[in-house]
N, C-alpha and C. Protein backbone atom coordinates (compact mmCIF):
# COMPACT_ATOMS: atom_id res chain seq x y z
N UNK A 1 -2.23 -21.68 27.86
CA UNK A 1 -1.26 -20.60 27.94
C UNK A 1 -1.99 -19.26 27.93
N UNK A 2 -1.62 -18.36 28.80
CA UNK A 2 -2.27 -17.06 28.89
C UNK A 2 -1.89 -16.20 27.69
N UNK A 3 -2.86 -15.45 27.22
CA UNK A 3 -2.62 -14.59 26.07
C UNK A 3 -1.82 -13.38 26.50
N UNK A 4 -0.89 -13.01 25.63
CA UNK A 4 -0.03 -11.88 25.93
C UNK A 4 -0.81 -10.56 25.85
N UNK A 5 -1.65 -10.46 24.82
CA UNK A 5 -2.42 -9.23 24.59
C UNK A 5 -3.90 -9.59 24.55
N UNK A 6 -4.62 -9.19 25.56
CA UNK A 6 -6.04 -9.48 25.67
C UNK A 6 -6.81 -8.33 25.04
N UNK A 7 -7.79 -8.67 24.21
CA UNK A 7 -8.63 -7.66 23.56
C UNK A 7 -9.89 -7.47 24.38
N UNK A 8 -10.07 -6.26 24.89
CA UNK A 8 -11.29 -5.89 25.60
C UNK A 8 -11.83 -4.62 24.97
N UNK A 9 -12.88 -4.79 24.18
CA UNK A 9 -13.47 -3.66 23.46
C UNK A 9 -14.46 -2.92 24.34
N UNK A 10 -14.49 -1.61 24.19
CA UNK A 10 -15.53 -0.82 24.84
C UNK A 10 -16.81 -0.98 24.02
N UNK A 11 -17.91 -0.54 24.56
CA UNK A 11 -19.18 -0.62 23.82
C UNK A 11 -19.11 0.19 22.54
N UNK A 12 -18.48 1.36 22.59
CA UNK A 12 -18.35 2.19 21.39
C UNK A 12 -17.49 1.50 20.33
N UNK A 13 -16.39 0.89 20.76
CA UNK A 13 -15.52 0.20 19.81
C UNK A 13 -16.24 -0.99 19.18
N UNK A 14 -16.98 -1.73 19.99
CA UNK A 14 -17.71 -2.88 19.46
C UNK A 14 -18.76 -2.44 18.44
N UNK A 15 -19.50 -1.39 18.75
CA UNK A 15 -20.52 -0.92 17.80
C UNK A 15 -19.87 -0.39 16.52
N UNK A 16 -18.72 0.27 16.67
CA UNK A 16 -18.00 0.75 15.49
C UNK A 16 -17.58 -0.42 14.61
N UNK A 17 -17.05 -1.47 15.22
CA UNK A 17 -16.62 -2.64 14.45
C UNK A 17 -17.80 -3.34 13.79
N UNK A 18 -18.91 -3.42 14.49
CA UNK A 18 -20.10 -4.06 13.91
C UNK A 18 -20.64 -3.26 12.74
N UNK A 19 -20.57 -1.95 12.82
CA UNK A 19 -20.99 -1.11 11.69
C UNK A 19 -20.03 -1.28 10.52
N UNK A 20 -18.74 -1.31 10.82
CA UNK A 20 -17.74 -1.51 9.77
C UNK A 20 -17.92 -2.84 9.08
N UNK A 21 -18.24 -3.86 9.86
CA UNK A 21 -18.39 -5.21 9.33
C UNK A 21 -19.48 -5.28 8.26
N UNK A 22 -20.51 -4.45 8.39
CA UNK A 22 -21.61 -4.45 7.45
C UNK A 22 -21.29 -3.66 6.18
N UNK A 23 -20.30 -2.80 6.23
CA UNK A 23 -19.98 -1.94 5.09
C UNK A 23 -18.89 -2.52 4.21
N UNK A 24 -18.49 -1.73 3.21
CA UNK A 24 -17.44 -2.17 2.30
C UNK A 24 -16.06 -2.06 2.97
N UNK A 25 -15.33 -3.17 2.97
CA UNK A 25 -13.99 -3.22 3.55
C UNK A 25 -13.06 -3.99 2.63
N UNK A 26 -11.78 -3.76 2.79
CA UNK A 26 -10.82 -4.60 2.09
C UNK A 26 -10.81 -5.95 2.80
N UNK A 27 -10.27 -6.95 2.15
CA UNK A 27 -10.20 -8.29 2.76
C UNK A 27 -9.42 -8.23 4.07
N UNK A 28 -8.32 -7.52 4.05
CA UNK A 28 -7.48 -7.41 5.24
C UNK A 28 -8.24 -6.76 6.39
N UNK A 29 -8.95 -5.68 6.11
CA UNK A 29 -9.72 -5.01 7.16
C UNK A 29 -10.85 -5.91 7.67
N UNK A 30 -11.46 -6.66 6.75
CA UNK A 30 -12.57 -7.54 7.13
C UNK A 30 -12.11 -8.60 8.12
N UNK A 31 -10.97 -9.25 7.85
CA UNK A 31 -10.54 -10.27 8.80
C UNK A 31 -10.03 -9.66 10.09
N UNK A 32 -9.52 -8.44 10.05
CA UNK A 32 -9.08 -7.79 11.29
C UNK A 32 -10.28 -7.46 12.18
N UNK A 33 -11.37 -7.00 11.57
CA UNK A 33 -12.60 -6.73 12.33
C UNK A 33 -13.09 -8.02 12.97
N UNK A 34 -13.13 -9.10 12.19
CA UNK A 34 -13.58 -10.39 12.70
C UNK A 34 -12.70 -10.86 13.86
N UNK A 35 -11.40 -10.72 13.70
CA UNK A 35 -10.47 -11.13 14.76
C UNK A 35 -10.75 -10.36 16.05
N UNK A 36 -10.90 -9.06 15.94
CA UNK A 36 -11.13 -8.24 17.14
C UNK A 36 -12.45 -8.59 17.82
N UNK A 37 -13.50 -8.78 17.04
CA UNK A 37 -14.80 -9.11 17.63
C UNK A 37 -14.76 -10.47 18.31
N UNK A 38 -14.17 -11.45 17.64
CA UNK A 38 -14.11 -12.80 18.21
C UNK A 38 -13.15 -12.85 19.41
N UNK A 39 -12.06 -12.09 19.36
CA UNK A 39 -11.12 -12.07 20.48
C UNK A 39 -11.78 -11.44 21.70
N UNK A 40 -12.60 -10.43 21.47
CA UNK A 40 -13.32 -9.81 22.58
C UNK A 40 -14.31 -10.78 23.21
N UNK A 41 -14.86 -11.68 22.40
CA UNK A 41 -15.78 -12.70 22.92
C UNK A 41 -15.04 -13.79 23.70
N UNK A 42 -13.72 -13.81 23.62
CA UNK A 42 -12.94 -14.78 24.36
C UNK A 42 -12.63 -16.05 23.61
N UNK A 43 -12.83 -16.06 22.28
CA UNK A 43 -12.55 -17.25 21.49
C UNK A 43 -11.04 -17.50 21.39
N UNK A 44 -10.69 -18.75 21.16
CA UNK A 44 -9.28 -19.14 21.05
C UNK A 44 -8.71 -18.67 19.71
N UNK A 45 -7.42 -18.40 19.71
CA UNK A 45 -6.75 -17.94 18.49
C UNK A 45 -6.92 -18.93 17.34
N UNK A 46 -6.85 -20.21 17.63
CA UNK A 46 -6.96 -21.23 16.58
C UNK A 46 -8.34 -21.18 15.92
N UNK A 47 -9.39 -21.02 16.72
CA UNK A 47 -10.75 -20.94 16.17
C UNK A 47 -10.92 -19.68 15.32
N UNK A 48 -10.41 -18.57 15.83
CA UNK A 48 -10.51 -17.30 15.10
C UNK A 48 -9.76 -17.41 13.78
N UNK A 49 -8.55 -17.97 13.82
CA UNK A 49 -7.72 -18.09 12.62
C UNK A 49 -8.41 -18.95 11.58
N UNK A 50 -9.02 -20.04 12.02
CA UNK A 50 -9.70 -20.93 11.07
C UNK A 50 -10.88 -20.24 10.41
N UNK A 51 -11.68 -19.52 11.20
CA UNK A 51 -12.85 -18.83 10.64
C UNK A 51 -12.44 -17.70 9.70
N UNK A 52 -11.39 -16.95 10.08
CA UNK A 52 -10.97 -15.80 9.28
C UNK A 52 -10.12 -16.22 8.08
N UNK A 53 -9.59 -17.45 8.11
CA UNK A 53 -8.75 -17.90 7.01
C UNK A 53 -7.35 -17.32 7.06
N UNK A 54 -6.85 -17.11 8.28
CA UNK A 54 -5.51 -16.56 8.47
C UNK A 54 -4.75 -17.47 9.44
N UNK A 55 -3.49 -17.17 9.66
CA UNK A 55 -2.69 -17.96 10.60
C UNK A 55 -2.92 -17.47 12.02
N UNK A 56 -2.53 -18.29 12.98
CA UNK A 56 -2.65 -17.88 14.38
C UNK A 56 -1.69 -16.72 14.68
N UNK A 57 -0.60 -16.65 13.95
CA UNK A 57 0.33 -15.52 14.11
C UNK A 57 -0.32 -14.21 13.73
N UNK A 58 -1.16 -14.23 12.69
CA UNK A 58 -1.87 -13.02 12.28
C UNK A 58 -2.84 -12.59 13.37
N UNK A 59 -3.53 -13.55 13.96
CA UNK A 59 -4.45 -13.24 15.05
C UNK A 59 -3.68 -12.59 16.20
N UNK A 60 -2.52 -13.16 16.54
CA UNK A 60 -1.71 -12.60 17.63
C UNK A 60 -1.22 -11.20 17.27
N UNK A 61 -0.85 -10.98 16.01
CA UNK A 61 -0.38 -9.66 15.59
C UNK A 61 -1.49 -8.62 15.68
N UNK A 62 -2.71 -8.98 15.29
CA UNK A 62 -3.83 -8.03 15.37
C UNK A 62 -4.12 -7.71 16.84
N UNK A 63 -4.07 -8.73 17.69
CA UNK A 63 -4.25 -8.49 19.13
C UNK A 63 -3.20 -7.51 19.65
N UNK A 64 -1.93 -7.76 19.29
CA UNK A 64 -0.82 -6.92 19.75
C UNK A 64 -0.99 -5.49 19.25
N UNK A 65 -1.36 -5.34 17.98
CA UNK A 65 -1.53 -4.00 17.41
C UNK A 65 -2.66 -3.26 18.11
N UNK A 66 -3.72 -3.97 18.46
CA UNK A 66 -4.82 -3.34 19.18
C UNK A 66 -4.36 -2.92 20.58
N UNK A 67 -3.65 -3.78 21.25
CA UNK A 67 -3.21 -3.50 22.62
C UNK A 67 -2.23 -2.33 22.67
N UNK A 68 -1.37 -2.23 21.69
CA UNK A 68 -0.35 -1.18 21.72
C UNK A 68 -0.78 0.11 21.04
N UNK A 69 -1.63 0.02 20.01
CA UNK A 69 -1.96 1.22 19.26
C UNK A 69 -3.42 1.59 19.18
N UNK A 70 -4.30 0.73 19.67
CA UNK A 70 -5.72 1.03 19.62
C UNK A 70 -6.41 0.48 18.39
N UNK A 71 -7.65 0.85 18.23
CA UNK A 71 -8.50 0.31 17.17
C UNK A 71 -7.99 0.67 15.78
N UNK A 72 -7.63 1.93 15.59
CA UNK A 72 -7.17 2.36 14.26
C UNK A 72 -5.90 1.63 13.85
N UNK A 73 -4.98 1.45 14.77
CA UNK A 73 -3.73 0.75 14.46
C UNK A 73 -3.99 -0.71 14.12
N UNK A 74 -4.99 -1.31 14.76
CA UNK A 74 -5.29 -2.72 14.50
C UNK A 74 -5.95 -2.91 13.13
N UNK A 75 -6.73 -1.94 12.69
CA UNK A 75 -7.47 -2.09 11.44
C UNK A 75 -6.70 -1.63 10.20
N UNK A 76 -5.84 -0.65 10.36
CA UNK A 76 -5.18 -0.05 9.20
C UNK A 76 -3.67 -0.22 9.28
N UNK A 77 -3.06 -0.35 8.11
CA UNK A 77 -1.60 -0.44 8.03
C UNK A 77 -0.99 0.94 8.21
N UNK A 78 0.22 0.95 8.73
CA UNK A 78 0.97 2.20 8.80
C UNK A 78 1.42 2.56 7.39
N UNK A 79 1.69 3.83 7.14
CA UNK A 79 2.22 4.19 5.83
C UNK A 79 3.54 3.47 5.59
N UNK A 80 3.72 3.00 4.38
CA UNK A 80 4.94 2.27 4.06
C UNK A 80 6.00 3.24 3.57
N UNK A 81 7.23 3.00 4.00
CA UNK A 81 8.29 3.90 3.56
C UNK A 81 8.62 3.67 2.09
N UNK A 82 9.19 4.65 1.51
CA UNK A 82 9.60 4.51 0.11
C UNK A 82 10.08 5.85 -0.39
N UNK A 83 10.86 5.78 -1.41
CA UNK A 83 11.38 7.01 -2.00
C UNK A 83 10.28 7.74 -2.75
N UNK A 84 10.37 9.06 -2.76
CA UNK A 84 9.44 9.84 -3.55
C UNK A 84 9.68 9.53 -5.02
N UNK A 85 8.64 9.54 -5.83
CA UNK A 85 8.84 9.31 -7.26
C UNK A 85 9.74 10.40 -7.85
N UNK A 86 10.60 9.99 -8.75
CA UNK A 86 11.52 10.93 -9.39
C UNK A 86 10.75 11.84 -10.35
N UNK A 87 9.81 11.24 -11.08
CA UNK A 87 9.04 12.00 -12.05
C UNK A 87 7.61 12.15 -11.57
N UNK A 88 7.11 13.39 -11.60
CA UNK A 88 5.70 13.61 -11.27
C UNK A 88 4.88 13.47 -12.55
N UNK A 89 3.62 13.77 -12.48
CA UNK A 89 2.74 13.61 -13.64
C UNK A 89 3.14 14.47 -14.82
N UNK A 90 3.56 15.71 -14.56
CA UNK A 90 3.96 16.61 -15.65
C UNK A 90 5.22 16.09 -16.33
N UNK A 91 6.17 15.61 -15.53
CA UNK A 91 7.42 15.09 -16.10
C UNK A 91 7.15 13.83 -16.91
N UNK A 92 6.26 12.97 -16.43
CA UNK A 92 5.91 11.78 -17.19
C UNK A 92 5.26 12.15 -18.51
N UNK A 93 4.38 13.15 -18.47
CA UNK A 93 3.74 13.61 -19.70
C UNK A 93 4.78 14.15 -20.68
N UNK A 94 5.78 14.84 -20.17
CA UNK A 94 6.85 15.37 -21.02
C UNK A 94 7.66 14.24 -21.64
N UNK A 95 7.92 13.17 -20.89
CA UNK A 95 8.63 12.01 -21.44
C UNK A 95 7.85 11.44 -22.61
N UNK A 96 6.56 11.27 -22.42
CA UNK A 96 5.70 10.70 -23.46
C UNK A 96 5.63 11.62 -24.67
N UNK A 97 5.46 12.91 -24.41
CA UNK A 97 5.39 13.87 -25.52
C UNK A 97 6.71 13.90 -26.29
N UNK A 98 7.82 13.85 -25.58
CA UNK A 98 9.13 13.86 -26.24
C UNK A 98 9.32 12.58 -27.05
N UNK A 99 8.89 11.46 -26.51
CA UNK A 99 9.03 10.19 -27.23
C UNK A 99 8.18 10.17 -28.50
N UNK A 100 7.10 10.93 -28.51
CA UNK A 100 6.22 10.99 -29.68
C UNK A 100 6.64 12.08 -30.67
N UNK A 101 7.57 12.93 -30.27
CA UNK A 101 8.01 14.02 -31.13
C UNK A 101 9.02 13.50 -32.15
N UNK A 102 9.35 14.33 -33.15
CA UNK A 102 10.34 13.90 -34.15
C UNK A 102 11.67 13.58 -33.47
N UNK A 103 12.34 12.56 -33.99
CA UNK A 103 13.60 12.11 -33.40
C UNK A 103 14.72 13.09 -33.73
N UNK A 104 15.78 13.11 -32.92
CA UNK A 104 16.90 14.01 -33.19
C UNK A 104 17.58 13.67 -34.54
N UNK A 105 18.24 14.64 -35.07
CA UNK A 105 18.94 14.48 -36.35
C UNK A 105 19.94 13.33 -36.25
N UNK A 106 19.94 12.48 -37.23
CA UNK A 106 20.89 11.37 -37.28
C UNK A 106 20.46 10.15 -36.48
N UNK A 107 19.26 10.14 -35.91
CA UNK A 107 18.77 9.00 -35.13
C UNK A 107 17.53 8.42 -35.79
N UNK A 108 17.34 7.11 -35.63
CA UNK A 108 16.16 6.46 -36.18
C UNK A 108 14.99 6.50 -35.19
N UNK A 109 15.29 6.38 -33.90
CA UNK A 109 14.26 6.40 -32.86
C UNK A 109 14.81 7.04 -31.60
N UNK A 110 13.89 7.36 -30.70
CA UNK A 110 14.29 7.83 -29.38
C UNK A 110 14.73 6.63 -28.57
N UNK A 111 15.81 6.72 -27.86
CA UNK A 111 16.22 5.69 -26.91
C UNK A 111 15.94 6.20 -25.51
N UNK A 112 15.95 5.28 -24.55
CA UNK A 112 15.72 5.68 -23.17
C UNK A 112 16.81 6.64 -22.71
N UNK A 113 18.03 6.39 -23.15
CA UNK A 113 19.14 7.27 -22.75
C UNK A 113 18.95 8.67 -23.33
N UNK A 114 18.51 8.76 -24.59
CA UNK A 114 18.27 10.08 -25.20
C UNK A 114 17.15 10.82 -24.46
N UNK A 115 16.09 10.10 -24.12
CA UNK A 115 14.98 10.73 -23.41
C UNK A 115 15.41 11.21 -22.02
N UNK A 116 16.21 10.40 -21.33
CA UNK A 116 16.69 10.79 -20.00
C UNK A 116 17.57 12.03 -20.11
N UNK A 117 18.47 12.04 -21.09
CA UNK A 117 19.35 13.21 -21.29
C UNK A 117 18.53 14.45 -21.63
N UNK A 118 17.48 14.27 -22.41
CA UNK A 118 16.63 15.40 -22.82
C UNK A 118 15.94 16.03 -21.59
N UNK A 119 15.47 15.19 -20.67
CA UNK A 119 14.84 15.71 -19.45
C UNK A 119 15.82 16.49 -18.60
N UNK A 120 17.06 16.03 -18.56
CA UNK A 120 18.10 16.74 -17.81
C UNK A 120 18.42 18.07 -18.50
N UNK A 121 18.50 18.05 -19.84
CA UNK A 121 18.76 19.28 -20.60
C UNK A 121 17.68 20.33 -20.35
N UNK A 122 16.44 19.87 -20.32
CA UNK A 122 15.30 20.78 -20.11
C UNK A 122 15.16 21.18 -18.64
N UNK A 123 16.02 20.68 -17.79
CA UNK A 123 16.04 20.97 -16.36
C UNK A 123 14.72 20.58 -15.67
N UNK A 124 14.13 19.50 -16.15
CA UNK A 124 12.94 18.96 -15.51
C UNK A 124 13.36 18.21 -14.25
N UNK A 125 14.45 17.47 -14.35
CA UNK A 125 15.02 16.74 -13.22
C UNK A 125 16.53 16.93 -13.24
N UNK A 126 17.13 16.68 -12.08
CA UNK A 126 18.59 16.79 -12.00
C UNK A 126 19.25 15.58 -12.65
N UNK A 127 18.65 14.39 -12.40
CA UNK A 127 19.11 13.17 -13.03
C UNK A 127 17.96 12.18 -13.03
N UNK A 128 17.99 11.28 -14.00
CA UNK A 128 16.96 10.24 -14.10
C UNK A 128 17.57 9.04 -14.82
N UNK A 129 17.20 7.85 -14.38
CA UNK A 129 17.76 6.64 -14.99
C UNK A 129 16.95 6.23 -16.22
N UNK A 130 17.59 5.43 -17.03
CA UNK A 130 16.91 4.90 -18.21
C UNK A 130 15.77 3.97 -17.80
N UNK A 131 15.96 3.25 -16.70
CA UNK A 131 14.92 2.35 -16.22
C UNK A 131 13.64 3.12 -15.86
N UNK A 132 13.80 4.29 -15.27
CA UNK A 132 12.64 5.11 -14.92
C UNK A 132 11.91 5.54 -16.19
N UNK A 133 12.67 5.94 -17.20
CA UNK A 133 12.08 6.33 -18.48
C UNK A 133 11.32 5.15 -19.09
N UNK A 134 11.93 3.98 -19.07
CA UNK A 134 11.28 2.80 -19.65
C UNK A 134 10.02 2.43 -18.88
N UNK A 135 10.03 2.60 -17.56
CA UNK A 135 8.85 2.32 -16.76
C UNK A 135 7.70 3.26 -17.13
N UNK A 136 8.02 4.53 -17.35
CA UNK A 136 6.99 5.50 -17.75
C UNK A 136 6.41 5.11 -19.11
N UNK A 137 7.29 4.78 -20.03
CA UNK A 137 6.82 4.42 -21.37
C UNK A 137 6.02 3.13 -21.36
N UNK A 138 6.36 2.22 -20.47
CA UNK A 138 5.64 0.95 -20.39
C UNK A 138 4.20 1.17 -19.93
N UNK A 139 3.98 2.18 -19.10
CA UNK A 139 2.62 2.48 -18.62
C UNK A 139 1.68 2.83 -19.76
N UNK A 140 2.19 3.47 -20.79
CA UNK A 140 1.31 3.95 -21.85
C UNK A 140 1.19 3.00 -23.03
N UNK A 141 1.93 1.91 -23.00
CA UNK A 141 1.81 0.96 -24.11
C UNK A 141 0.91 -0.19 -23.78
């Protein structure tokens, strides 16, 4: 069966990949470099997958990414979407400092709800969930 996306590296791309192969890479980048070099040599997807320790689908995906986006797209992941963090470093520090401060009158300890309300009172954030507060506190314990 003919390959949908054929990898044909230029001399510059091949030398770049060979230099990268010798340096420090993440596991994912290392197998992507190997896939591209072997695909350029004309090896079968099954052979490449076995040597790299990945599935044949991964080999096909790396080929496709190279064909559509070039070398950089084949080696690196796109930025992943996600919401911006609600609390930055200063706000997290304030949560921790507040949790370590004396408790409010009539309370035995700070609760996540009290800490969240305190951040809203201080106008650090417009709103924050108790889960976010607990996640911050979990980091420091």
